[in-house]
Protein backbone atom coordinates (compact mmCIF):
# COMPACT_ATOMS: atom_id res chain seq x y z
CA GLY A 1 303.90 138.87 -7.75
CA SER A 2 307.14 140.85 -7.54
CA HIS A 3 309.15 141.58 -4.39
CA ASP A 4 309.88 145.28 -3.72
CA SER A 5 308.02 145.84 -6.96
CA PHE A 6 309.01 149.51 -7.38
CA SER A 7 312.77 149.10 -6.88
CA TYR A 8 313.70 149.11 -10.58
CA TRP A 9 314.76 152.73 -10.01
CA VAL A 10 316.27 154.18 -6.85
CA ASP A 11 317.82 157.60 -6.49
CA GLU A 12 321.53 157.57 -5.61
CA LYS A 13 321.39 161.34 -5.13
CA SER A 14 318.63 161.20 -2.51
CA PRO A 15 319.35 160.85 1.20
CA VAL A 16 319.40 157.29 2.57
CA GLY A 17 315.89 156.25 3.55
CA PRO A 18 314.47 156.18 7.09
CA ASP A 19 314.20 152.38 6.69
CA GLN A 20 317.98 152.15 7.24
CA ALA A 21 320.04 151.98 10.45
CA THR A 22 321.84 155.10 11.69
CA ALA A 23 325.25 153.53 10.96
CA ILE A 24 324.32 153.07 7.27
CA LYS A 25 323.12 156.70 7.08
CA ARG A 26 326.50 157.85 8.39
CA LEU A 27 328.42 155.63 5.96
CA ALA A 28 326.32 156.85 3.04
CA ARG A 29 327.99 160.25 3.22
CA ILE A 30 330.73 158.54 1.19
CA SER A 31 329.46 158.61 -2.41
CA LEU A 32 330.68 155.07 -3.23
CA VAL A 33 328.48 153.67 -0.44
CA LYS A 34 325.29 154.77 -2.19
CA LYS A 35 326.43 153.13 -5.43
CA ILE A 36 326.91 149.87 -3.50
CA MET A 37 323.55 150.32 -1.73
CA LYS A 38 321.89 150.62 -5.12
CA LYS A 39 323.27 147.22 -6.16
CA TRP A 40 321.60 145.67 -3.11
CA SER A 41 318.41 147.80 -3.08
CA VAL A 42 317.32 147.09 -6.65
CA THR A 43 315.35 143.82 -6.75
CA GLN A 44 313.55 144.32 -10.09
CA ASN A 45 314.63 145.46 -13.56
CA LEU A 46 311.18 146.07 -15.02
CA THR A 47 308.95 149.14 -14.58
CA PHE A 48 305.37 148.71 -13.33
CA LYS A 49 304.12 148.80 -16.93
CA GLU A 50 306.64 146.16 -18.03
CA GLN A 51 305.82 143.96 -15.03
CA LEU A 52 302.10 144.22 -15.78
CA GLU A 53 302.71 143.34 -19.42
CA GLY A 54 304.79 140.37 -18.25
CA GLY A 55 301.95 138.95 -16.13
CA ILE A 56 302.70 140.35 -12.65
CA ARG A 57 299.50 141.14 -10.76
CA TYR A 58 300.61 141.45 -7.10
CA PHE A 59 302.82 144.38 -6.08
CA ASP A 60 304.78 144.51 -2.82
CA LEU A 61 305.05 148.20 -1.80
CA ARG A 62 307.08 150.04 0.85
CA VAL A 63 306.57 153.76 1.14
CA SER A 64 307.96 156.76 3.00
CA SER A 65 307.85 160.51 3.27
CA LYS A 66 311.13 162.35 2.65
CA PRO A 67 312.17 163.78 6.02
CA GLY A 68 312.86 167.49 5.70
CA GLU A 69 310.83 167.90 2.52
CA ILE A 70 307.94 170.38 2.62
CA GLY A 71 304.52 168.88 1.94
CA GLN A 72 303.32 165.31 2.30
CA GLU A 73 304.58 163.67 -0.90
CA ILE A 74 305.10 159.92 -0.51
CA TYR A 75 307.80 157.89 -2.27
CA PHE A 76 308.55 154.22 -2.72
CA ILE A 77 311.56 153.17 -0.68
CA HIS A 78 314.07 150.34 -0.33
CA GLY A 79 317.25 151.66 1.23
CA LEU A 80 317.16 154.57 -1.19
CA PHE A 81 314.14 156.55 -2.39
CA GLY A 82 312.32 155.44 -5.54
CA ILE A 83 309.74 157.24 -7.65
CA LYS A 84 306.75 159.13 -6.23
CA VAL A 85 303.91 156.74 -5.33
CA TRP A 86 301.54 159.02 -7.27
CA ASP A 87 303.51 158.43 -10.50
CA GLY A 88 303.50 154.67 -9.96
CA LEU A 89 299.75 154.58 -9.31
CA LYS A 90 299.04 156.55 -12.48
CA GLU A 91 301.20 154.17 -14.54
CA ILE A 92 299.31 151.16 -13.13
CA ASN A 93 295.94 152.83 -13.73
CA THR A 94 296.79 153.50 -17.38
CA PHE A 95 297.32 149.75 -17.85
CA LEU A 96 294.00 148.97 -16.12
CA GLU A 97 292.15 151.46 -18.35
CA GLN A 98 293.47 149.60 -21.38
CA HIS A 99 292.74 146.13 -19.91
CA PRO A 100 289.36 146.34 -18.11
CA LYS A 101 289.28 142.62 -17.18
CA GLU A 102 292.64 142.62 -15.39
CA VAL A 103 292.72 142.60 -11.57
CA ILE A 104 295.68 143.65 -9.43
CA PHE A 105 296.68 143.55 -5.76
CA LEU A 106 298.57 146.49 -4.23
CA ASP A 107 300.06 145.55 -0.86
CA PHE A 108 301.19 148.61 1.13
CA ASN A 109 303.02 146.74 3.88
CA HIS A 110 305.81 148.99 5.18
CA PHE A 111 305.49 152.68 6.06
CA TYR A 112 308.37 154.94 7.15
CA ALA A 113 308.46 158.51 8.49
CA MET A 114 304.68 158.83 8.10
CA ASP A 115 302.16 160.28 10.54
CA ASP A 116 298.38 160.15 10.05
CA SER A 117 298.40 163.24 7.81
CA HIS A 118 300.79 161.46 5.42
CA HIS A 119 298.50 158.42 5.43
CA TYR A 120 295.42 160.52 4.64
CA PHE A 121 297.35 162.15 1.79
CA LEU A 122 298.36 158.75 0.37
CA ILE A 123 294.89 157.20 0.79
CA ASN A 124 293.31 160.15 -1.03
CA ARG A 125 295.82 159.67 -3.87
CA ILE A 126 294.83 156.00 -4.09
CA ARG A 127 291.14 156.87 -4.15
CA SER A 128 291.50 159.66 -6.73
CA THR A 129 293.61 157.42 -9.00
CA PHE A 130 291.45 154.29 -9.06
CA GLY A 131 287.97 155.54 -8.05
CA SER A 132 285.28 152.96 -8.82
CA LYS A 133 287.91 150.34 -9.75
CA LEU A 134 288.58 149.83 -6.02
CA CYS A 135 287.09 146.66 -4.54
CA SER A 136 285.65 147.13 -1.04
CA ILE A 137 286.50 144.58 1.61
CA GLU A 138 284.50 141.41 1.20
CA CYS A 139 284.70 137.79 2.26
CA VAL A 140 287.84 136.57 0.43
CA GLU A 141 286.08 133.52 -0.99
CA TYR A 142 283.50 135.74 -2.75
CA VAL A 143 286.14 137.66 -4.69
CA THR A 144 286.25 135.72 -7.94
CA LEU A 145 287.09 137.20 -11.32
CA GLN A 146 283.38 136.93 -12.17
CA TYR A 147 282.53 139.01 -9.07
CA MET A 148 285.15 141.65 -10.01
CA TRP A 149 283.96 141.87 -13.62
CA GLU A 150 280.29 142.23 -12.65
CA LYS A 151 281.14 145.10 -10.29
CA LYS A 152 283.74 146.57 -12.69
CA HIS A 153 286.36 146.41 -9.92
CA GLN A 154 290.03 145.93 -10.77
CA VAL A 155 292.07 146.86 -7.67
CA LEU A 156 292.41 145.36 -4.20
CA ILE A 157 294.42 147.54 -1.78
CA PHE A 158 295.95 145.99 1.34
CA TYR A 159 296.93 148.59 3.92
CA HIS A 160 298.99 147.52 6.94
CA TYR A 161 298.12 150.48 9.16
CA PRO A 162 295.12 151.03 11.50
CA LEU A 163 293.58 153.78 9.33
CA TYR A 164 292.34 151.05 6.95
CA GLN A 165 289.34 150.82 9.31
CA GLU A 166 288.06 154.20 8.10
CA TYR A 167 287.85 153.24 4.42
CA PRO A 168 285.80 150.38 2.94
CA PHE A 169 288.21 150.06 -0.01
CA LEU A 170 291.24 149.35 2.20
CA TRP A 171 291.69 145.70 3.13
CA PRO A 172 293.51 145.00 6.42
CA GLY A 173 297.07 143.70 6.16
CA ASN A 174 296.11 140.49 7.97
CA LYS A 175 294.12 139.45 4.88
CA MET A 176 297.44 139.24 3.00
CA PRO A 177 299.92 137.33 5.21
CA ALA A 178 303.39 137.07 3.63
CA PRO A 179 305.68 135.03 5.90
CA TRP A 180 309.36 135.85 5.35
CA ALA A 181 312.12 133.22 5.46
CA ASN A 182 314.95 135.76 6.01
CA THR A 183 317.67 133.39 4.79
CA THR A 184 320.47 133.27 2.21
CA ASN A 185 320.16 129.47 1.93
CA VAL A 186 317.91 128.22 -0.87
CA HIS A 187 317.26 124.85 0.85
CA LYS A 188 316.12 126.61 4.04
CA LEU A 189 313.96 128.92 1.93
CA LEU A 190 312.18 126.04 0.19
CA GLN A 191 311.65 124.23 3.50
CA PHE A 192 310.18 127.44 4.95
CA LEU A 193 307.83 127.85 1.98
CA GLU A 194 306.61 124.26 2.42
CA THR A 195 306.05 124.70 6.17
CA THR A 196 304.20 128.00 5.85
CA LEU A 197 301.95 126.56 3.13
CA GLU A 198 301.01 123.73 5.47
CA GLU A 199 300.21 126.30 8.16
CA ARG A 200 298.27 128.73 5.96
CA SER A 201 294.74 129.61 6.90
CA ARG A 202 292.24 127.38 5.11
CA TYR A 203 289.74 130.21 4.53
CA GLY A 204 289.44 133.97 4.85
CA THR A 205 292.82 135.25 3.67
CA PHE A 206 295.05 135.41 0.65
CA HIS A 207 298.58 134.04 1.09
CA VAL A 208 301.96 135.19 -0.27
CA SER A 209 304.82 132.71 -0.70
CA GLN A 210 307.91 134.94 -0.75
CA ALA A 211 310.33 132.94 -2.90
CA ILE A 212 313.18 135.33 -2.14
CA LEU A 213 316.59 135.11 -0.51
CA THR A 214 317.64 137.90 1.84
CA PRO A 215 321.28 139.01 2.12
CA ARG A 216 322.88 139.27 5.56
CA VAL A 217 325.33 142.06 6.41
CA LYS A 218 328.22 139.62 5.91
CA THR A 219 326.79 138.57 2.50
CA ILE A 220 326.92 142.20 1.40
CA ALA A 221 330.38 142.70 2.93
CA ARG A 222 331.78 139.67 1.07
CA HIS A 223 330.22 140.53 -2.29
CA LEU A 224 330.03 144.33 -2.14
CA ILE A 225 330.43 145.06 -5.83
CA ARG A 226 328.53 142.06 -7.21
CA GLY A 227 325.17 143.09 -5.75
CA LEU A 228 322.05 141.07 -5.00
CA LYS A 229 321.32 139.77 -8.49
CA ASN A 230 324.78 138.32 -9.12
CA THR A 231 325.32 137.03 -5.58
CA LEU A 232 322.02 135.40 -4.60
CA VAL A 233 319.42 135.55 -7.35
CA HIS A 234 321.02 134.24 -10.55
CA ARG A 235 322.45 131.16 -8.88
CA ASN A 236 319.33 130.11 -7.01
CA LEU A 237 316.46 131.05 -9.34
CA PRO A 238 316.44 127.69 -11.19
CA MET A 239 315.89 125.79 -7.91
CA ILE A 240 313.19 128.23 -6.84
CA LEU A 241 311.47 127.88 -10.20
CA ASN A 242 311.54 124.08 -9.92
CA TRP A 243 309.79 124.40 -6.55
CA VAL A 244 307.14 126.65 -8.15
CA LYS A 245 306.54 124.11 -10.93
CA ALA A 246 305.88 121.39 -8.36
CA GLN A 247 303.14 123.37 -6.55
CA LYS A 248 299.38 123.08 -6.71
CA PRO A 249 297.01 126.05 -6.36
CA GLY A 250 293.75 126.08 -4.42
CA VAL A 251 292.87 125.56 -0.75
CA MET A 252 296.07 124.91 1.25
CA GLY A 253 298.10 125.24 -1.97
CA VAL A 254 299.97 128.22 -3.35
CA ASN A 255 298.07 131.46 -3.90
CA ILE A 256 300.44 134.38 -4.68
CA ILE A 257 304.17 133.80 -5.24
CA THR A 258 306.69 136.65 -5.29
CA SER A 259 310.23 136.72 -6.64
CA ASP A 260 313.13 139.09 -7.28
CA PHE A 261 314.02 139.98 -10.88
CA VAL A 262 310.89 138.36 -12.26
CA GLU A 263 312.08 138.55 -15.87
CA LEU A 264 315.25 136.45 -15.42
CA VAL A 265 313.34 133.17 -15.85
CA ASP A 266 309.81 132.28 -16.97
CA PHE A 267 308.58 133.12 -13.49
CA ALA A 268 305.21 134.72 -14.26
CA ALA A 269 304.37 132.22 -17.01
CA THR A 270 305.23 129.32 -14.67
CA VAL A 271 303.02 130.63 -11.87
CA ILE A 272 300.14 131.42 -14.25
CA ALA A 273 300.38 127.90 -15.74
CA LEU A 274 299.61 126.40 -12.30
CA ASN A 275 296.02 127.59 -12.80
CA ASP A 276 295.62 124.92 -15.49
CA LEU A 277 295.71 122.35 -12.67
CA LEU A 278 292.52 123.91 -11.25
CA LEU A 279 290.83 123.62 -14.65
CA GLU A 280 291.84 119.94 -14.85
CA GLU A 281 290.28 119.37 -11.40
CA ASP A 282 287.04 121.00 -12.55
CA GLU A 283 286.91 118.85 -15.67
CA SER A 284 287.53 115.63 -13.75
CA ALA A 285 284.83 116.61 -11.23
CA THR A 286 282.26 117.07 -14.00
């Protein structure tokens, strides 16, 4: 999985997003501030298509309306506005059309400046884009690749807002817990990932290990121009990747792992390779 999957492009010319504090919105009237924000808002370099081609199958999505804009268009957001959600969904669907055995998870977990009418607009967009590819909510343990292929389903949508109850193809957010370490310290992050794996639910939910470091205000203040990638990600990715390599999938093991700048190391390939351990278990059992 990728963290803030859509943030490969954010619009410096757009207003600052409603996910930001009032003080930041005031500061952003200075043009340089938005350039700096961009360096800290972008957490991926690859487009959806490039991420899919690189092996990413879980997408972490934050969305917002544009206050003051007429209509109910919804955009991706991380500090600054990204592309229209509609455009992103179409790009993902094109990949799925070309690869009918691939399955993806779309996790809509943060909503800003949206009332119910915005949600209905977005949900209808999701339904019109993916149609019969959408997998209705089911017992998590039943959802194997075999199950998805038989039903010709390719998309699981997780929707962290009460309206999910009105649509069988929206899975509740609590089926996709993603505990967040909120630290700049890689050792604390790895300890947190270990602890939350030990505490994960044995059955009934997926589980996201967010292998990401989060800048504090003082981190940004000290390294304004360097940005997220050069300050936190580059230096710590090797240690994070070593932790990934040491994991085991399956019950009480890792399930979905997300990272920033997924192309900087062999992140996707390393996570995918963990599945070989499950095959070895099957062989030894037989």
